[in-house]
């Protein structure tokens, strides 16, 4: 009985750790994508801004 519990617990722990590591990698990738999108938007706004503000 104890042996089956240890095997089940070990498998559960490994699956949980794999899912956690995958989620961290995905979250970091989404953050980088959003950051790059923000930089592109800022650069586009700066490139298309008028040189002198209108009165």
Protein backbone atom coordinates (compact mmCIF):
# COMPACT_ATOMS: atom_id res chain seq x y z
CA UNK A 1 0.00 0.00 0.00
CA UNK A 2 2.75 2.46 0.91
CA UNK A 3 4.68 1.65 -2.24
CA UNK A 4 1.72 2.55 -4.51
CA UNK A 5 1.26 5.79 -2.60
CA UNK A 6 4.92 6.72 -3.08
CA UNK A 7 4.76 6.00 -6.81
CA UNK A 8 1.55 7.98 -7.22
CA UNK A 9 2.92 10.88 -5.19
CA UNK A 10 6.19 10.86 -7.15
CA UNK A 11 4.36 10.94 -10.48
CA UNK A 12 2.09 13.72 -9.27
CA UNK A 13 5.10 15.75 -8.09
CA UNK A 14 6.92 15.35 -11.41
CA UNK A 15 3.86 16.31 -13.47
CA UNK A 16 3.23 19.32 -11.24
CA UNK A 17 6.82 20.53 -11.53
CA UNK A 18 6.79 20.10 -15.33
CA UNK A 19 3.56 22.09 -15.60
CA UNK A 20 4.94 24.79 -13.32
CA UNK A 21 8.14 25.15 -15.32
CA UNK A 22 6.23 25.31 -18.59
CA UNK A 23 3.92 28.00 -17.19
CA UNK A 24 6.87 30.13 -16.04
CA UNK A 25 8.46 29.95 -19.46
CA UNK A 26 5.17 30.86 -21.16
CA UNK A 27 4.55 33.80 -18.84
CA UNK A 28 8.03 35.16 -19.46
CA UNK A 29 7.52 34.88 -23.22
CA UNK A 30 4.22 36.74 -23.08
CA UNK A 31 5.87 39.51 -21.06
CA UNK A 32 8.63 39.86 -23.62
CA UNK A 33 6.13 39.96 -26.49
CA UNK A 34 4.09 42.68 -24.78
CA UNK A 35 7.24 44.68 -24.08
CA UNK A 36 8.36 44.49 -27.70
CA UNK A 37 4.89 45.55 -28.85
CA UNK A 38 5.05 48.56 -26.54
CA UNK A 39 8.45 49.55 -27.88
CA UNK A 40 7.22 49.25 -31.47
CA UNK A 41 4.18 51.42 -30.67
CA UNK A 42 6.35 54.05 -28.97
CA UNK A 43 8.81 54.13 -31.85
CA UNK A 44 5.99 54.49 -34.38
CA UNK A 45 4.40 57.32 -32.40
CA UNK A 46 7.73 59.14 -32.12
CA UNK A 47 8.44 58.74 -35.84
CA UNK A 48 5.01 60.10 -36.83
CA UNK A 49 4.83 62.95 -34.31
CA UNK A 50 4.79 66.48 -35.75
CA UNK A 51 8.05 68.37 -35.33
CA UNK A 52 6.29 71.41 -33.84
CA UNK A 53 3.13 71.24 -31.77
CA UNK A 54 0.19 73.05 -33.35
CA UNK A 55 -1.05 76.17 -31.48
